[in-house]
Amino acid sequence: KRNPNSQKTPVPNVEKMLKQLGELPVQLIDLDGDGTAE
């Protein structure tokens, strides 16, 4: 949704996505109070 190119790429397989997105920053914190982290 933040890709300025009009042509959208199909969803790759999990291995390719993990390789491409694996370095994105993540934080784990319980925000809904169910005892598990979001």
PDB file of all heavy atoms in Angstrom:
ATOM      1  N   LYS A   1       0.822  -1.220   0.000  1.00  0.00           N
ATOM      2  CA  LYS A   1       0.000   0.000   0.000  1.00  0.00           C
ATOM      3  C   LYS A   1       0.849   1.261   0.000  1.00  0.00           C
ATOM      4  O   LYS A   1       0.332   2.361  -0.189  1.00  0.00           O
ATOM      5  CB  LYS A   1      -0.926  -0.015   1.215  1.00  0.00           C
ATOM      6  CG  LYS A   1      -1.933  -1.163   1.202  1.00  0.00           C
ATOM      7  CD  LYS A   1      -2.744  -1.231   2.479  1.00  0.00           C
ATOM      8  CE  LYS A   1      -3.688  -2.421   2.471  1.00  0.00           C
ATOM      9  NZ  LYS A   1      -4.474  -2.537   3.735  1.00  0.00           N
ATOM     10  N   ARG A   2       2.151   1.117   0.257  1.00  0.00           N
ATOM     11  CA  ARG A   2       3.065   2.262   0.201  1.00  0.00           C
ATOM     12  C   ARG A   2       4.052   2.112  -0.961  1.00  0.00           C
ATOM     13  O   ARG A   2       5.107   2.704  -0.951  1.00  0.00           O
ATOM     14  CB  ARG A   2       3.840   2.377   1.528  1.00  0.00           C
ATOM     15  CG  ARG A   2       2.973   2.897   2.666  1.00  0.00           C
ATOM     16  CD  ARG A   2       2.562   4.345   2.403  1.00  0.00           C
ATOM     17  NE  ARG A   2       1.757   4.905   3.471  1.00  0.00           N
ATOM     18  CZ  ARG A   2       0.441   4.921   3.499  1.00  0.00           C
ATOM     19  NH1 ARG A   2      -0.236   4.365   2.512  1.00  0.00           N
ATOM     20  NH2 ARG A   2      -0.217   5.477   4.493  1.00  0.00           N
ATOM     21  N   ASN A   3       3.672   1.312  -1.968  1.00  0.00           N
ATOM     22  CA  ASN A   3       4.492   1.146  -3.163  1.00  0.00           C
ATOM     23  C   ASN A   3       4.006   2.120  -4.223  1.00  0.00           C
ATOM     24  O   ASN A   3       2.875   2.005  -4.705  1.00  0.00           O
ATOM     25  CB  ASN A   3       4.383  -0.303  -3.664  1.00  0.00           C
ATOM     26  CG  ASN A   3       5.351  -0.589  -4.798  1.00  0.00           C
ATOM     27  OD1 ASN A   3       5.957   0.323  -5.352  1.00  0.00           O
ATOM     28  ND2 ASN A   3       5.478  -1.867  -5.145  1.00  0.00           N
ATOM     29  N   PRO A   4       4.825   3.110  -4.612  1.00  0.00           N
ATOM     30  CA  PRO A   4       4.374   4.104  -5.598  1.00  0.00           C
ATOM     31  C   PRO A   4       4.229   3.534  -6.997  1.00  0.00           C
ATOM     32  O   PRO A   4       3.618   4.165  -7.857  1.00  0.00           O
ATOM     33  CB  PRO A   4       5.469   5.176  -5.539  1.00  0.00           C
ATOM     34  CG  PRO A   4       6.680   4.451  -5.073  1.00  0.00           C
ATOM     35  CD  PRO A   4       6.192   3.369  -4.158  1.00  0.00           C
ATOM     36  N   ASN A   5       4.781   2.370  -7.243  1.00  0.00           N
ATOM     37  CA  ASN A   5       4.642   1.758  -8.558  1.00  0.00           C
ATOM     38  C   ASN A   5       3.220   1.240  -8.738  1.00  0.00           C
ATOM     39  O   ASN A   5       2.647   0.644  -7.834  1.00  0.00           O
ATOM     40  CB  ASN A   5       5.627   0.592  -8.727  1.00  0.00           C
ATOM     41  CG  ASN A   5       7.065   1.057  -8.624  1.00  0.00           C
ATOM     42  OD1 ASN A   5       7.412   2.146  -9.086  1.00  0.00           O
ATOM     43  ND2 ASN A   5       7.908   0.236  -8.001  1.00  0.00           N
ATOM     44  N   SER A   6       2.657   1.485  -9.909  1.00  0.00           N
ATOM     45  CA  SER A   6       1.276   1.082 -10.144  1.00  0.00           C
ATOM     46  C   SER A   6       1.144  -0.433 -10.244  1.00  0.00           C
ATOM     47  O   SER A   6       0.119  -1.003  -9.899  1.00  0.00           O
ATOM     48  CB  SER A   6       0.747   1.727 -11.437  1.00  0.00           C
ATOM     49  OG  SER A   6       1.594   1.379 -12.533  1.00  0.00           O
ATOM     50  N   GLN A   7       2.214  -1.096 -10.684  1.00  0.00           N
ATOM     51  CA  GLN A   7       2.171  -2.546 -10.839  1.00  0.00           C
ATOM     52  C   GLN A   7       2.496  -3.219  -9.512  1.00  0.00           C
ATOM     53  O   GLN A   7       3.590  -3.072  -8.989  1.00  0.00           O
ATOM     54  CB  GLN A   7       3.161  -3.000 -11.921  1.00  0.00           C
ATOM     55  CG  GLN A   7       3.082  -4.497 -12.203  1.00  0.00           C
ATOM     56  CD  GLN A   7       4.041  -4.911 -13.301  1.00  0.00           C
ATOM     57  OE1 GLN A   7       4.742  -4.071 -13.866  1.00  0.00           O
ATOM     58  NE2 GLN A   7       4.062  -6.197 -13.621  1.00  0.00           N
ATOM     59  N   LYS A   8       1.533  -3.950  -8.978  1.00  0.00           N
ATOM     60  CA  LYS A   8       1.714  -4.627  -7.699  1.00  0.00           C
ATOM     61  C   LYS A   8       2.300  -6.011  -7.929  1.00  0.00           C
ATOM     62  O   LYS A   8       1.894  -6.730  -8.849  1.00  0.00           O
ATOM     63  CB  LYS A   8       0.383  -4.750  -6.944  1.00  0.00           C
ATOM     64  CG  LYS A   8      -0.310  -3.410  -6.726  1.00  0.00           C
ATOM     65  CD  LYS A   8       0.528  -2.451  -5.893  1.00  0.00           C
ATOM     66  CE  LYS A   8      -0.204  -1.140  -5.652  1.00  0.00           C
ATOM     67  NZ  LYS A   8       0.615  -0.164  -4.910  1.00  0.00           N
ATOM     68  N   THR A   9       3.238  -6.391  -7.084  1.00  0.00           N
ATOM     69  CA  THR A   9       3.874  -7.694  -7.228  1.00  0.00           C
ATOM     70  C   THR A   9       3.097  -8.744  -6.452  1.00  0.00           C
ATOM     71  O   THR A   9       2.528  -8.439  -5.395  1.00  0.00           O
ATOM     72  CB  THR A   9       5.318  -7.651  -6.699  1.00  0.00           C
ATOM     73  OG1 THR A   9       5.281  -7.244  -5.330  1.00  0.00           O
ATOM     74  CG2 THR A   9       6.158  -6.682  -7.506  1.00  0.00           C
ATOM     75  N   PRO A  10       3.014  -9.979  -6.965  1.00  0.00           N
ATOM     76  CA  PRO A  10       2.313 -11.039  -6.222  1.00  0.00           C
ATOM     77  C   PRO A  10       3.058 -11.386  -4.943  1.00  0.00           C
ATOM     78  O   PRO A  10       4.240 -11.106  -4.800  1.00  0.00           O
ATOM     79  CB  PRO A  10       2.309 -12.213  -7.211  1.00  0.00           C
ATOM     80  CG  PRO A  10       3.479 -11.953  -8.104  1.00  0.00           C
ATOM     81  CD  PRO A  10       3.590 -10.465  -8.228  1.00  0.00           C
ATOM     82  N   VAL A  11       2.329 -12.020  -4.026  1.00  0.00           N
ATOM     83  CA  VAL A  11       2.931 -12.412  -2.745  1.00  0.00           C
ATOM     84  C   VAL A  11       3.922 -13.542  -2.987  1.00  0.00           C
ATOM     85  O   VAL A  11       3.541 -14.602  -3.505  1.00  0.00           O
ATOM     86  CB  VAL A  11       1.848 -12.861  -1.751  1.00  0.00           C
ATOM     87  CG1 VAL A  11       2.489 -13.318  -0.443  1.00  0.00           C
ATOM     88  CG2 VAL A  11       0.862 -11.736  -1.486  1.00  0.00           C
ATOM     89  N   PRO A  12       5.206 -13.344  -2.631  1.00  0.00           N
ATOM     90  CA  PRO A  12       6.202 -14.407  -2.834  1.00  0.00           C
ATOM     91  C   PRO A  12       5.982 -15.542  -1.832  1.00  0.00           C
ATOM     92  O   PRO A  12       5.121 -15.474  -0.954  1.00  0.00           O
ATOM     93  CB  PRO A  12       7.539 -13.699  -2.581  1.00  0.00           C
ATOM     94  CG  PRO A  12       7.217 -12.244  -2.478  1.00  0.00           C
ATOM     95  CD  PRO A  12       5.794 -12.138  -2.065  1.00  0.00           C
ATOM     96  N   ASN A  13       6.823 -16.574  -1.939  1.00  0.00           N
ATOM     97  CA  ASN A  13       6.740 -17.659  -0.960  1.00  0.00           C
ATOM     98  C   ASN A  13       7.351 -17.195   0.368  1.00  0.00           C
ATOM     99  O   ASN A  13       8.026 -16.163   0.441  1.00  0.00           O
ATOM    100  CB  ASN A  13       7.420 -18.930  -1.476  1.00  0.00           C
ATOM    101  CG  ASN A  13       8.899 -18.712  -1.777  1.00  0.00           C
ATOM    102  OD1 ASN A  13       9.609 -18.041  -1.034  1.00  0.00           O
ATOM    103  ND2 ASN A  13       9.371 -19.289  -2.867  1.00  0.00           N
ATOM    104  N   VAL A  14       7.117 -17.989   1.415  1.00  0.00           N
ATOM    105  CA  VAL A  14       7.509 -17.597   2.766  1.00  0.00           C
ATOM    106  C   VAL A  14       9.015 -17.404   2.869  1.00  0.00           C
ATOM    107  O   VAL A  14       9.499 -16.446   3.491  1.00  0.00           O
ATOM    108  CB  VAL A  14       7.016 -18.647   3.789  1.00  0.00           C
ATOM    109  CG1 VAL A  14       7.619 -18.378   5.169  1.00  0.00           C
ATOM    110  CG2 VAL A  14       5.499 -18.633   3.884  1.00  0.00           C
ATOM    111  N   GLU A  15       9.784 -18.314   2.260  1.00  0.00           N
ATOM    112  CA  GLU A  15      11.242 -18.228   2.353  1.00  0.00           C
ATOM    113  C   GLU A  15      11.756 -16.921   1.758  1.00  0.00           C
ATOM    114  O   GLU A  15      12.629 -16.253   2.330  1.00  0.00           O
ATOM    115  CB  GLU A  15      11.893 -19.424   1.653  1.00  0.00           C
ATOM    116  CG  GLU A  15      11.706 -20.756   2.356  1.00  0.00           C
ATOM    117  CD  GLU A  15      10.303 -21.328   2.188  1.00  0.00           C
ATOM    118  OE1 GLU A  15       9.569 -20.841   1.291  1.00  0.00           O
ATOM    119  OE2 GLU A  15       9.941 -22.237   2.956  1.00  0.00           O
ATOM    120  N   LYS A  16      11.203 -16.533   0.599  1.00  0.00           N
ATOM    121  CA  LYS A  16      11.654 -15.302  -0.046  1.00  0.00           C
ATOM    122  C   LYS A  16      11.261 -14.080   0.781  1.00  0.00           C
ATOM    123  O   LYS A  16      12.042 -13.137   0.942  1.00  0.00           O
ATOM    124  CB  LYS A  16      11.067 -15.209  -1.451  1.00  0.00           C
ATOM    125  CG  LYS A  16      11.566 -13.998  -2.235  1.00  0.00           C
ATOM    126  CD  LYS A  16      11.055 -13.998  -3.662  1.00  0.00           C
ATOM    127  CE  LYS A  16      11.562 -12.765  -4.414  1.00  0.00           C
ATOM    128  NZ  LYS A  16      11.053 -12.742  -5.812  1.00  0.00           N
ATOM    129  N   MET A  17      10.020 -14.096   1.321  1.00  0.00           N
ATOM    130  CA  MET A  17       9.581 -12.955   2.140  1.00  0.00           C
ATOM    131  C   MET A  17      10.433 -12.833   3.393  1.00  0.00           C
ATOM    132  O   MET A  17      10.798 -11.724   3.802  1.00  0.00           O
ATOM    133  CB  MET A  17       8.104 -13.117   2.507  1.00  0.00           C
ATOM    134  CG  MET A  17       7.140 -12.819   1.379  1.00  0.00           C
ATOM    135  SD  MET A  17       5.410 -12.781   1.933  1.00  0.00           S
ATOM    136  CE  MET A  17       5.128 -14.503   2.321  1.00  0.00           C
ATOM    137  N   LEU A  18      10.724 -13.969   4.039  1.00  0.00           N
ATOM    138  CA  LEU A  18      11.533 -13.914   5.253  1.00  0.00           C
ATOM    139  C   LEU A  18      12.924 -13.379   4.961  1.00  0.00           C
ATOM    140  O   LEU A  18      13.494 -12.622   5.755  1.00  0.00           O
ATOM    141  CB  LEU A  18      11.616 -15.308   5.879  1.00  0.00           C
ATOM    142  CG  LEU A  18      12.255 -15.391   7.271  1.00  0.00           C
ATOM    143  CD1 LEU A  18      11.510 -14.501   8.258  1.00  0.00           C
ATOM    144  CD2 LEU A  18      12.270 -16.823   7.785  1.00  0.00           C
ATOM    145  N   LYS A  19      13.466 -13.729   3.797  1.00  0.00           N
ATOM    146  CA  LYS A  19      14.782 -13.230   3.418  1.00  0.00           C
ATOM    147  C   LYS A  19      14.740 -11.727   3.167  1.00  0.00           C
ATOM    148  O   LYS A  19      15.650 -10.987   3.547  1.00  0.00           O
ATOM    149  CB  LYS A  19      15.271 -13.965   2.174  1.00  0.00           C
ATOM    150  CG  LYS A  19      16.675 -13.562   1.735  1.00  0.00           C
ATOM    151  CD  LYS A  19      17.130 -14.382   0.543  1.00  0.00           C
ATOM    152  CE  LYS A  19      18.553 -13.979   0.121  1.00  0.00           C
ATOM    153  NZ  LYS A  19      19.016 -14.772  -1.049  1.00  0.00           N
ATOM    154  N   GLN A  20      13.648 -11.248   2.533  1.00  0.00           N
ATOM    155  CA  GLN A  20      13.542  -9.832   2.180  1.00  0.00           C
ATOM    156  C   GLN A  20      13.124  -8.961   3.373  1.00  0.00           C
ATOM    157  O   GLN A  20      13.535  -7.808   3.474  1.00  0.00           O
ATOM    158  CB  GLN A  20      12.532  -9.661   1.041  1.00  0.00           C
ATOM    159  CG  GLN A  20      12.580  -8.279   0.383  1.00  0.00           C
ATOM    160  CD  GLN A  20      11.878  -8.275  -0.951  1.00  0.00           C
ATOM    161  OE1 GLN A  20      11.504  -9.313  -1.477  1.00  0.00           O
ATOM    162  NE2 GLN A  20      11.694  -7.104  -1.535  1.00  0.00           N
ATOM    163  N   LEU A  21      12.305  -9.527   4.264  1.00  0.00           N
ATOM    164  CA  LEU A  21      11.765  -8.735   5.382  1.00  0.00           C
ATOM    165  C   LEU A  21      12.395  -9.088   6.724  1.00  0.00           C
ATOM    166  O   LEU A  21      12.033  -8.517   7.744  1.00  0.00           O
ATOM    167  CB  LEU A  21      10.244  -8.946   5.483  1.00  0.00           C
ATOM    168  CG  LEU A  21       9.421  -8.702   4.218  1.00  0.00           C
ATOM    169  CD1 LEU A  21       7.955  -9.004   4.479  1.00  0.00           C
ATOM    170  CD2 LEU A  21       9.588  -7.272   3.727  1.00  0.00           C
ATOM    171  N   GLY A  22      13.329 -10.040   6.721  1.00  0.00           N
ATOM    172  CA  GLY A  22      13.855 -10.577   7.970  1.00  0.00           C
ATOM    173  C   GLY A  22      14.576  -9.588   8.852  1.00  0.00           C
ATOM    174  O   GLY A  22      14.683  -9.801  10.058  1.00  0.00           O
ATOM    175  N   GLU A  23      15.087  -8.482   8.277  1.00  0.00           N
ATOM    176  CA  GLU A  23      15.831  -7.506   9.076  1.00  0.00           C
ATOM    177  C   GLU A  23      14.965  -6.362   9.588  1.00  0.00           C
ATOM    178  O   GLU A  23      15.453  -5.466  10.267  1.00  0.00           O
ATOM    179  CB  GLU A  23      16.998  -6.947   8.256  1.00  0.00           C
ATOM    180  CG  GLU A  23      18.063  -7.969   7.909  1.00  0.00           C
ATOM    181  CD  GLU A  23      18.616  -8.671   9.142  1.00  0.00           C
ATOM    182  OE1 GLU A  23      18.942  -7.980  10.121  1.00  0.00           O
ATOM    183  OE2 GLU A  23      18.692  -9.912   9.132  1.00  0.00           O
ATOM    184  N   LEU A  24      13.679  -6.358   9.253  1.00  0.00           N
ATOM    185  CA  LEU A  24      12.805  -5.292   9.761  1.00  0.00           C
ATOM    186  C   LEU A  24      12.722  -5.372  11.284  1.00  0.00           C
ATOM    187  O   LEU A  24      12.693  -6.462  11.858  1.00  0.00           O
ATOM    188  CB  LEU A  24      11.409  -5.420   9.155  1.00  0.00           C
ATOM    189  CG  LEU A  24      11.289  -5.107   7.656  1.00  0.00           C
ATOM    190  CD1 LEU A  24       9.845  -5.302   7.190  1.00  0.00           C
ATOM    191  CD2 LEU A  24      11.752  -3.682   7.349  1.00  0.00           C
ATOM    192  N   PRO A  25      12.654  -4.214  11.962  1.00  0.00           N
ATOM    193  CA  PRO A  25      12.646  -4.220  13.436  1.00  0.00           C
ATOM    194  C   PRO A  25      11.299  -4.653  14.002  1.00  0.00           C
ATOM    195  O   PRO A  25      10.242  -4.296  13.475  1.00  0.00           O
ATOM    196  CB  PRO A  25      12.962  -2.762  13.788  1.00  0.00           C
ATOM    197  CG  PRO A  25      12.446  -1.983  12.618  1.00  0.00           C
ATOM    198  CD  PRO A  25      12.663  -2.851  11.409  1.00  0.00           C
ATOM    199  N   VAL A  26      11.357  -5.393  15.100  1.00  0.00           N
ATOM    200  CA  VAL A  26      10.160  -5.915  15.754  1.00  0.00           C
ATOM    201  C   VAL A  26      10.306  -5.699  17.258  1.00  0.00           C
ATOM    202  O   VAL A  26      11.395  -5.818  17.814  1.00  0.00           O
ATOM    203  CB  VAL A  26       9.995  -7.426  15.452  1.00  0.00           C
ATOM    204  CG1 VAL A  26       8.987  -8.062  16.386  1.00  0.00           C
ATOM    205  CG2 VAL A  26       9.555  -7.631  14.020  1.00  0.00           C
ATOM    206  N   GLN A  27       9.179  -5.385  17.908  1.00  0.00           N
ATOM    207  CA  GLN A  27       9.130  -5.316  19.360  1.00  0.00           C
ATOM    208  C   GLN A  27       8.001  -6.223  19.848  1.00  0.00           C
ATOM    209  O   GLN A  27       6.940  -6.295  19.218  1.00  0.00           O
ATOM    210  CB  GLN A  27       8.890  -3.875  19.846  1.00  0.00           C
ATOM    211  CG  GLN A  27      10.027  -2.929  19.491  1.00  0.00           C
ATOM    212  CD  GLN A  27       9.722  -1.482  19.863  1.00  0.00           C
ATOM    213  OE1 GLN A  27       8.585  -1.046  19.787  1.00  0.00           O
ATOM    214  NE2 GLN A  27      10.738  -0.752  20.256  1.00  0.00           N
ATOM    215  N   LEU A  28       8.226  -6.915  20.946  1.00  0.00           N
ATOM    216  CA  LEU A  28       7.225  -7.816  21.516  1.00  0.00           C
ATOM    217  C   LEU A  28       6.710  -7.225  22.821  1.00  0.00           C
ATOM    218  O   LEU A  28       7.487  -6.943  23.736  1.00  0.00           O
ATOM    219  CB  LEU A  28       7.824  -9.202  21.770  1.00  0.00           C
ATOM    220  CG  LEU A  28       8.300  -9.965  20.528  1.00  0.00           C
ATOM    221  CD1 LEU A  28       8.944 -11.281  20.925  1.00  0.00           C
ATOM    222  CD2 LEU A  28       7.154 -10.212  19.565  1.00  0.00           C
ATOM    223  N   ILE A  29       5.395  -7.022  22.897  1.00  0.00           N
ATOM    224  CA  ILE A  29       4.796  -6.452  24.107  1.00  0.00           C
ATOM    225  C   ILE A  29       3.332  -6.848  24.161  1.00  0.00           C
ATOM    226  O   ILE A  29       2.642  -6.891  23.132  1.00  0.00           O
ATOM    227  CB  ILE A  29       4.944  -4.905  24.125  1.00  0.00           C
ATOM    228  CG1 ILE A  29       4.359  -4.326  25.412  1.00  0.00           C
ATOM    229  CG2 ILE A  29       4.328  -4.265  22.889  1.00  0.00           C
ATOM    230  CD1 ILE A  29       4.639  -2.845  25.608  1.00  0.00           C
ATOM    231  N   ASP A  30       2.857  -7.180  25.351  1.00  0.00           N
ATOM    232  CA  ASP A  30       1.452  -7.557  25.540  1.00  0.00           C
ATOM    233  C   ASP A  30       0.607  -6.287  25.583  1.00  0.00           C
ATOM    234  O   ASP A  30       0.670  -5.514  26.540  1.00  0.00           O
ATOM    235  CB  ASP A  30       1.293  -8.353  26.836  1.00  0.00           C
ATOM    236  CG  ASP A  30      -0.143  -8.833  27.062  1.00  0.00           C
ATOM    237  OD1 ASP A  30      -0.959  -8.703  26.127  1.00  0.00           O
ATOM    238  OD2 ASP A  30      -0.434  -9.328  28.156  1.00  0.00           O
ATOM    239  N   LEU A  31      -0.213  -6.079  24.565  1.00  0.00           N
ATOM    240  CA  LEU A  31      -1.040  -4.878  24.468  1.00  0.00           C
ATOM    241  C   LEU A  31      -2.526  -5.158  24.679  1.00  0.00           C
ATOM    242  O   LEU A  31      -3.304  -4.212  24.817  1.00  0.00           O
ATOM    243  CB  LEU A  31      -0.845  -4.205  23.101  1.00  0.00           C
ATOM    244  CG  LEU A  31       0.544  -3.614  22.840  1.00  0.00           C
ATOM    245  CD1 LEU A  31       0.674  -3.195  21.388  1.00  0.00           C
ATOM    246  CD2 LEU A  31       0.807  -2.427  23.755  1.00  0.00           C
ATOM    247  N   ASP A  32      -2.930  -6.435  24.656  1.00  0.00           N
ATOM    248  CA  ASP A  32      -4.352  -6.725  24.834  1.00  0.00           C
ATOM    249  C   ASP A  32      -4.654  -7.416  26.158  1.00  0.00           C
ATOM    250  O   ASP A  32      -5.796  -7.768  26.438  1.00  0.00           O
ATOM    251  CB  ASP A  32      -4.896  -7.557  23.665  1.00  0.00           C
ATOM    252  CG  ASP A  32      -4.201  -8.904  23.522  1.00  0.00           C
ATOM    253  OD1 ASP A  32      -3.379  -9.237  24.392  1.00  0.00           O
ATOM    254  OD2 ASP A  32      -4.471  -9.603  22.529  1.00  0.00           O
ATOM    255  N   GLY A  33      -3.616  -7.630  26.986  1.00  0.00           N
ATOM    256  CA  GLY A  33      -3.833  -8.156  28.323  1.00  0.00           C
ATOM    257  C   GLY A  33      -4.140  -9.631  28.399  1.00  0.00           C
ATOM    258  O   GLY A  33      -4.598 -10.109  29.435  1.00  0.00           O
ATOM    259  N   ASP A  34      -3.849 -10.404  27.318  1.00  0.00           N
ATOM    260  CA  ASP A  34      -4.146 -11.833  27.352  1.00  0.00           C
ATOM    261  C   ASP A  34      -2.956 -12.671  27.806  1.00  0.00           C
ATOM    262  O   ASP A  34      -2.998 -13.899  27.797  1.00  0.00           O
ATOM    263  CB  ASP A  34      -4.636 -12.323  25.982  1.00  0.00           C
ATOM    264  CG  ASP A  34      -3.547 -12.251  24.906  1.00  0.00           C
ATOM    265  OD1 ASP A  34      -2.464 -11.675  25.184  1.00  0.00           O
ATOM    266  OD2 ASP A  34      -3.781 -12.741  23.787  1.00  0.00           O
ATOM    267  N   GLY A  35      -1.854 -12.013  28.203  1.00  0.00           N
ATOM    268  CA  GLY A  35      -0.681 -12.727  28.689  1.00  0.00           C
ATOM    269  C   GLY A  35       0.288 -13.150  27.611  1.00  0.00           C
ATOM    270  O   GLY A  35       1.351 -13.686  27.913  1.00  0.00           O
ATOM    271  N   THR A  36      -0.048 -12.921  26.332  1.00  0.00           N
ATOM    272  CA  THR A  36       0.869 -13.226  25.234  1.00  0.00           C
ATOM    273  C   THR A  36       1.266 -11.928  24.542  1.00  0.00           C
ATOM    274  O   THR A  36       0.471 -10.990  24.447  1.00  0.00           O
ATOM    275  CB  THR A  36       0.225 -14.174  24.208  1.00  0.00           C
ATOM    276  OG1 THR A  36      -0.970 -13.571  23.702  1.00  0.00           O
ATOM    277  CG2 THR A  36      -0.103 -15.505  24.839  1.00  0.00           C
ATOM    278  N   ALA A  37       2.488 -11.887  24.036  1.00  0.00           N
ATOM    279  CA  ALA A  37       3.009 -10.653  23.447  1.00  0.00           C
ATOM    280  C   ALA A  37       2.495 -10.472  22.027  1.00  0.00           C
ATOM    281  O   ALA A  37       2.384 -11.432  21.253  1.00  0.00           O
ATOM    282  CB  ALA A  37       4.534 -10.674  23.459  1.00  0.00           C
ATOM    283  N   GLU A  38       2.159  -9.221  21.697  1.00  0.00           N
ATOM    284  CA  GLU A  38       1.848  -8.861  20.314  1.00  0.00           C
ATOM    285  C   GLU A  38       3.142  -8.488  19.586  1.00  0.00           C
ATOM    286  O   GLU A  38       4.148  -8.144  20.220  1.00  0.00           O
ATOM    287  CB  GLU A  38       0.863  -7.695  20.262  1.00  0.00           C
ATOM    288  CG  GLU A  38      -0.596  -8.095  20.427  1.00  0.00           C
ATOM    289  CD  GLU A  38      -0.903  -8.716  21.770  1.00  0.00           C
ATOM    290  OE1 GLU A  38      -0.655  -8.078  22.802  1.00  0.00           O
ATOM    291  OE2 GLU A  38      -1.385  -9.868  21.788  1.00  0.00           O
TER     292      GLU A  38
END
